[in-house]
Amino acid sequence: MTDAMLAVTVILWSLNITVTKYLLDEGWSPLSYGVIRYFLAILLFAGYTFQRERSFKIERRDIKLVLLAGGFIFGNQMCFVYGLHFTPASTIALLLGALPMCIGVISAVLRLEHLGTGFWVGAVVTSGGVAIVALASGSVGATVGGIALGIGLAVTWGAYTITIAPLMRRYSPYRISTLVLAVGWVPLAACGAPQIAAQHFSFGWLAWLGFAYAVVGPLFMTNILWFTAIARVGPSRAALFANFEPFVAAVFALVLLSERLYLLEVVGGALIFAGIAFERIWKKPTAEAISALD
């Protein structure tokens, strides 16, 4: 049952990239889409959290972390909507494969975690894969700015993940999601006001169905499924499922949007995955050896 929850979560996340690209192509302006989508998600989270906990209170010492995490969510959403506006969904999906390495590098820079040789070898391989995907950008119709935004998407999500880690030890994920999304929504709404004023809403039923999915599925439902699963099996096993998201997302883009992967993108994506796999394989024997000495 737990594996099914994790698999559904990855599928919902992966499909969101394709759905968002479709909606932007159908006429949603990037910030109108982001602002309205996040506003509706905040309402869902607020209602769900209040029904469970009857409070949104956090300690004063945690306010700075919530504000910082909200800032990263704002940057992440800007990278997400504009990255997909300028770049094929399959390319963004492949670049997201660098997320585990982004989290590791940020943790190492902030001295939150000591990482061994295996990680850095994997990071170099993954970085090479990202560089190859970037080199292929001209062939797939992506811009340099779009590629930079795709990389920024992984970096900002990695920074957000690290920022909320201490908060997750003191509060429920639903309370943190409500507060952080609300904080990140404020600058997003301020930047998006002109686009919202000019936005038309004469979409067909398929576009509205896709928008409803983008709000309820990858923003709301996945949060509940993901953290419920982590509570049962732990973050390490959950991360194994998350590593498949870029591949699944690229497949959705190829099938549903008729996008095309070029050889350089395939090679780059393979190197990104290989770097992560190498780090995982290297780390496992090391961890087992340490356990044997305890």
Protein backbone atom coordinates (compact mmCIF):
# COMPACT_ATOMS: atom_id res chain seq x y z
CA MET A 1 0.00 0.00 0.00
CA THR A 2 2.78 2.42 0.91
CA ASP A 3 4.67 1.67 -2.32
CA ALA A 4 1.46 2.40 -4.22
CA MET A 5 1.18 5.78 -2.45
CA LEU A 6 4.75 6.64 -3.42
CA ALA A 7 4.22 5.53 -7.01
CA VAL A 8 1.03 7.61 -7.32
CA THR A 9 2.85 10.62 -5.87
CA VAL A 10 5.65 10.37 -8.44
CA ILE A 11 3.14 9.97 -11.27
CA LEU A 12 1.16 13.01 -10.14
CA TRP A 13 4.32 15.12 -9.85
CA SER A 14 5.59 13.93 -13.23
CA LEU A 15 2.34 14.56 -15.07
CA ASN A 16 2.19 18.09 -13.66
CA ILE A 17 5.11 19.19 -15.84
CA THR A 18 3.29 18.13 -19.00
CA VAL A 19 -0.05 19.54 -17.85
CA THR A 20 1.50 22.90 -17.01
CA LYS A 21 3.25 23.11 -20.37
CA TYR A 22 -0.06 22.32 -22.10
CA LEU A 23 -1.91 25.02 -20.14
CA LEU A 24 0.73 27.65 -20.90
CA ASP A 25 0.51 26.76 -24.59
CA GLU A 26 -3.29 27.05 -24.38
CA GLY A 27 -3.12 30.68 -23.27
CA TRP A 28 -2.48 30.86 -19.55
CA SER A 29 0.14 33.51 -18.87
CA PRO A 30 2.87 32.13 -16.60
CA LEU A 31 2.21 34.25 -13.52
CA SER A 32 -1.59 34.21 -13.81
CA TYR A 33 -1.38 30.43 -13.76
CA GLY A 34 1.01 30.38 -10.81
CA VAL A 35 -0.81 32.97 -8.70
CA ILE A 36 -4.31 31.53 -9.08
CA ARG A 37 -3.11 27.94 -8.74
CA TYR A 38 -1.21 28.65 -5.53
CA PHE A 39 -4.06 30.70 -4.08
CA LEU A 40 -6.50 27.81 -4.51
CA ALA A 41 -3.94 25.34 -3.11
CA ILE A 42 -3.46 27.55 -0.04
CA LEU A 43 -7.21 27.48 0.58
CA LEU A 44 -7.20 23.67 0.37
CA PHE A 45 -4.23 23.35 2.71
CA ALA A 46 -5.65 25.88 5.16
CA GLY A 47 -8.99 24.09 5.34
CA TYR A 48 -7.39 20.66 5.69
CA THR A 49 -4.88 21.82 8.31
CA PHE A 50 -7.43 23.68 10.41
CA GLN A 51 -9.78 20.71 10.35
CA ARG A 52 -6.95 18.47 11.65
CA GLU A 53 -5.08 20.78 14.01
CA ARG A 54 -7.23 23.84 14.75
CA SER A 55 -4.15 26.04 14.67
CA PHE A 56 -1.49 27.55 12.40
CA LYS A 57 0.68 28.76 15.28
CA ILE A 58 4.47 28.47 15.14
CA GLU A 59 7.13 29.58 17.60
CA ARG A 60 8.75 32.98 17.14
CA ARG A 61 12.18 31.41 16.51
CA ASP A 62 10.76 29.64 13.44
CA ILE A 63 9.33 32.70 11.69
CA LYS A 64 12.62 33.44 9.90
CA LEU A 65 12.77 29.91 8.52
CA VAL A 66 9.18 30.12 7.29
CA LEU A 67 9.92 33.45 5.57
CA LEU A 68 13.10 32.05 3.99
CA ALA A 69 11.29 28.91 2.81
CA GLY A 70 8.53 31.11 1.36
CA GLY A 71 11.17 33.06 -0.54
CA PHE A 72 12.54 29.86 -2.04
CA ILE A 73 9.01 28.76 -2.99
CA PHE A 74 8.51 32.10 -4.75
CA GLY A 75 11.76 31.65 -6.69
CA ASN A 76 10.91 28.04 -7.43
CA GLN A 77 7.51 28.90 -8.87
CA MET A 78 9.01 31.68 -11.02
CA CYS A 79 11.57 29.20 -12.38
CA PHE A 80 8.85 26.58 -12.91
CA VAL A 81 6.34 28.62 -14.91
CA TYR A 82 8.87 30.59 -16.95
CA GLY A 83 11.13 27.58 -17.44
CA LEU A 84 8.22 25.70 -19.01
CA HIS A 85 7.19 28.83 -20.93
CA PHE A 86 10.56 28.93 -22.72
CA THR A 87 11.59 25.27 -22.66
CA PRO A 88 10.10 21.89 -23.67
CA ALA A 89 8.62 19.91 -20.78
CA SER A 90 10.91 16.94 -21.46
CA THR A 91 14.01 19.13 -21.08
CA ILE A 92 12.81 20.57 -17.77
CA ALA A 93 12.06 17.02 -16.60
CA LEU A 94 15.61 15.88 -17.36
CA LEU A 95 17.14 18.88 -15.58
CA LEU A 96 15.09 18.07 -12.49
CA GLY A 97 17.09 14.87 -12.27
CA ALA A 98 19.88 16.94 -10.75
CA LEU A 99 17.76 17.73 -7.67
CA PRO A 100 19.30 15.13 -5.30
CA MET A 101 22.78 16.43 -6.10
CA CYS A 102 21.64 20.04 -5.62
CA ILE A 103 20.40 19.17 -2.14
CA GLY A 104 23.69 17.46 -1.33
CA VAL A 105 25.85 20.33 -2.59
CA ILE A 106 23.83 22.94 -0.67
CA SER A 107 24.03 20.80 2.49
CA ALA A 108 27.80 20.52 2.08
CA VAL A 109 28.27 24.26 1.48
CA LEU A 110 26.25 25.05 4.60
CA ARG A 111 28.17 22.33 6.50
CA LEU A 112 24.97 20.52 7.38
CA GLU A 113 26.33 17.21 6.13
CA HIS A 114 29.73 15.67 5.47
CA LEU A 115 29.77 14.06 2.05
CA GLY A 116 32.37 11.57 0.91
CA THR A 117 34.19 10.86 -2.33
CA GLY A 118 31.29 8.89 -3.80
CA PHE A 119 28.98 11.86 -3.64
CA TRP A 120 31.39 14.24 -5.33
CA VAL A 121 32.15 11.78 -8.12
CA GLY A 122 28.42 11.38 -8.63
CA ALA A 123 27.98 15.17 -8.56
CA VAL A 124 30.59 15.63 -11.29
CA VAL A 125 28.91 12.98 -13.48
CA THR A 126 25.49 14.55 -12.89
CA SER A 127 26.83 18.04 -13.66
CA GLY A 128 28.24 16.69 -16.91
CA GLY A 129 24.79 15.37 -17.77
CA VAL A 130 23.21 18.76 -17.05
CA ALA A 131 25.83 20.43 -19.28
CA ILE A 132 25.06 18.03 -22.14
CA VAL A 133 21.31 18.66 -21.81
CA ALA A 134 22.09 22.39 -21.92
CA LEU A 135 24.19 21.92 -25.07
CA ALA A 136 21.24 20.18 -26.70
CA SER A 137 18.93 23.11 -25.95
CA GLY A 138 19.23 24.59 -29.44
CA SER A 139 18.06 21.36 -31.06
CA VAL A 140 14.90 21.11 -28.92
CA GLY A 141 13.86 24.74 -29.16
CA ALA A 142 14.88 25.75 -25.65
CA THR A 143 16.54 29.06 -24.87
CA VAL A 144 19.61 29.63 -22.72
CA GLY A 145 17.36 31.45 -20.26
CA GLY A 146 14.97 28.50 -20.19
CA ILE A 147 17.80 26.08 -19.41
CA ALA A 148 19.02 28.40 -16.63
CA LEU A 149 15.51 28.50 -15.20
CA GLY A 150 15.32 24.70 -15.33
CA ILE A 151 18.54 24.47 -13.31
CA GLY A 152 17.21 27.18 -11.00
CA LEU A 153 14.10 25.06 -10.48
CA ALA A 154 16.19 22.22 -9.05
CA VAL A 155 18.39 24.55 -6.98
CA THR A 156 15.51 26.49 -5.39
CA TRP A 157 13.61 23.29 -4.56
CA GLY A 158 16.75 21.87 -3.00
CA ALA A 159 17.20 25.02 -0.90
CA TYR A 160 13.53 24.89 0.13
CA THR A 161 13.86 21.23 1.14
CA ILE A 162 16.82 21.97 3.38
CA THR A 163 15.18 25.05 4.90
CA ILE A 164 12.01 23.26 5.99
CA ALA A 165 13.85 20.23 7.43
CA PRO A 166 14.07 21.64 10.99
CA LEU A 167 10.48 22.89 10.77
CA MET A 168 9.26 19.40 9.87
CA ARG A 169 10.66 18.11 13.16
CA ARG A 170 8.42 20.49 15.12
CA TYR A 171 5.25 20.88 13.04
CA SER A 172 3.08 18.87 10.68
CA PRO A 173 3.85 19.10 6.93
CA TYR A 174 0.34 20.46 6.39
CA ARG A 175 0.85 23.42 8.72
CA ILE A 176 4.24 24.20 7.18
CA SER A 177 2.86 23.87 3.65
CA THR A 178 0.02 26.28 4.42
CA LEU A 179 2.28 28.92 5.94
CA VAL A 180 5.14 28.63 3.45
CA LEU A 181 2.87 28.66 0.41
CA ALA A 182 1.08 31.73 1.78
CA VAL A 183 4.38 33.56 2.32
CA GLY A 184 5.64 32.67 -1.15
CA TRP A 185 2.32 33.62 -2.73
CA VAL A 186 2.53 37.28 -1.63
CA PRO A 187 5.48 38.33 -3.87
CA LEU A 188 4.19 35.99 -6.59
CA ALA A 189 0.83 37.82 -6.57
CA ALA A 190 2.56 41.20 -6.57
CA CYS A 191 4.64 40.27 -9.62
CA GLY A 192 1.70 38.60 -11.35
CA ALA A 193 -0.92 41.33 -10.91
CA PRO A 194 -0.43 42.84 -14.42
CA GLN A 195 -0.71 39.42 -16.09
CA ILE A 196 -3.81 38.53 -14.10
CA ALA A 197 -5.45 41.81 -15.16
CA ALA A 198 -4.81 40.97 -18.82
CA GLN A 199 -5.60 37.24 -18.57
CA HIS A 200 -8.52 35.83 -20.54
CA PHE A 201 -10.36 32.82 -19.16
CA SER A 202 -12.12 31.50 -22.24
CA PHE A 203 -10.59 28.02 -22.11
CA GLY A 204 -12.11 24.74 -23.18
CA TRP A 205 -13.14 22.03 -20.76
CA LEU A 206 -9.87 20.11 -21.18
CA ALA A 207 -7.81 23.13 -20.12
CA TRP A 208 -10.01 23.67 -17.07
CA LEU A 209 -9.75 19.99 -16.19
CA GLY A 210 -5.98 20.25 -16.46
CA PHE A 211 -5.96 23.33 -14.24
CA ALA A 212 -8.09 21.59 -11.60
CA TYR A 213 -5.67 18.68 -11.70
CA ALA A 214 -2.68 21.02 -11.31
CA VAL A 215 -4.20 22.44 -8.11
CA VAL A 216 -5.56 19.30 -6.45
CA GLY A 217 -3.15 16.61 -7.65
CA PRO A 218 0.52 17.69 -7.56
CA LEU A 219 0.09 20.49 -5.01
CA PHE A 220 -2.40 19.12 -2.48
CA MET A 221 -2.85 15.36 -2.75
CA THR A 222 0.84 14.58 -3.22
CA ASN A 223 1.70 16.39 0.00
CA ILE A 224 -0.62 14.12 1.97
CA LEU A 225 0.50 10.94 0.19
CA TRP A 226 4.22 11.75 0.33
CA PHE A 227 4.48 12.56 4.01
CA THR A 228 2.18 9.73 5.02
CA ALA A 229 4.44 7.34 3.12
CA ILE A 230 7.62 8.83 4.63
CA ALA A 231 6.18 8.34 8.11
CA ARG A 232 5.73 4.64 7.31
CA VAL A 233 8.91 3.71 5.43
CA GLY A 234 11.32 6.59 6.01
CA PRO A 235 12.82 9.20 3.63
CA SER A 236 15.50 6.96 2.09
CA ARG A 237 13.08 4.49 0.55
CA ALA A 238 10.78 7.34 -0.52
CA ALA A 239 13.71 9.04 -2.24
CA LEU A 240 14.26 5.95 -4.38
CA PHE A 241 10.81 6.49 -5.90
CA ALA A 242 11.37 10.24 -6.33
CA ASN A 243 14.48 9.54 -8.42
CA PHE A 244 12.23 8.15 -11.15
CA GLU A 245 10.26 11.41 -11.51
CA PRO A 246 12.44 12.96 -14.29
CA PHE A 247 12.20 9.81 -16.40
CA VAL A 248 8.43 9.46 -15.94
CA ALA A 249 7.92 13.18 -16.58
CA ALA A 250 9.92 13.01 -19.82
CA VAL A 251 7.82 10.04 -20.98
CA PHE A 252 4.60 11.97 -20.32
CA ALA A 253 5.92 14.92 -22.34
CA LEU A 254 6.91 12.70 -25.25
CA VAL A 255 3.59 10.83 -25.34
CA LEU A 256 1.08 13.58 -24.51
CA LEU A 257 2.76 16.62 -26.07
CA SER A 258 4.48 14.81 -28.94
CA GLU A 259 7.82 16.29 -27.92
CA ARG A 260 11.03 14.77 -29.18
CA LEU A 261 14.19 13.79 -27.33
CA TYR A 262 17.45 14.22 -29.21
CA LEU A 263 20.49 12.00 -28.74
CA LEU A 264 22.38 14.58 -26.68
CA GLU A 265 19.42 14.90 -24.31
CA VAL A 266 19.23 11.14 -23.89
CA VAL A 267 22.97 11.00 -23.15
CA GLY A 268 22.70 13.91 -20.72
CA GLY A 269 19.70 12.39 -18.96
CA ALA A 270 21.51 9.06 -18.67
CA LEU A 271 24.53 10.75 -17.09
CA ILE A 272 22.31 12.61 -14.60
CA PHE A 273 20.72 9.34 -13.53
CA ALA A 274 24.10 7.55 -13.54
CA GLY A 275 25.59 10.13 -11.19
CA ILE A 276 22.77 9.64 -8.70
CA ALA A 277 22.92 5.86 -9.02
CA PHE A 278 26.69 5.86 -8.47
CA GLU A 279 26.33 7.92 -5.30
CA ARG A 280 23.63 5.57 -3.97
CA ILE A 281 25.65 2.42 -4.77
CA TRP A 282 28.83 3.88 -3.24
CA LYS A 283 27.01 5.05 -0.13
CA LYS A 284 25.27 1.75 0.63
CA PRO A 285 28.40 -0.43 1.14
CA THR A 286 30.00 2.37 3.19
CA ALA A 287 26.97 2.62 5.46
CA GLU A 288 26.87 -1.18 5.84
CA ALA A 289 30.57 -1.28 6.75
CA ILE A 290 30.08 1.36 9.42
CA SER A 291 27.10 -0.53 10.84
CA ALA A 292 29.19 -3.69 11.03
CA LEU A 293 31.73 -1.89 13.19
CA ASP A 294 29.13 -0.63 15.67
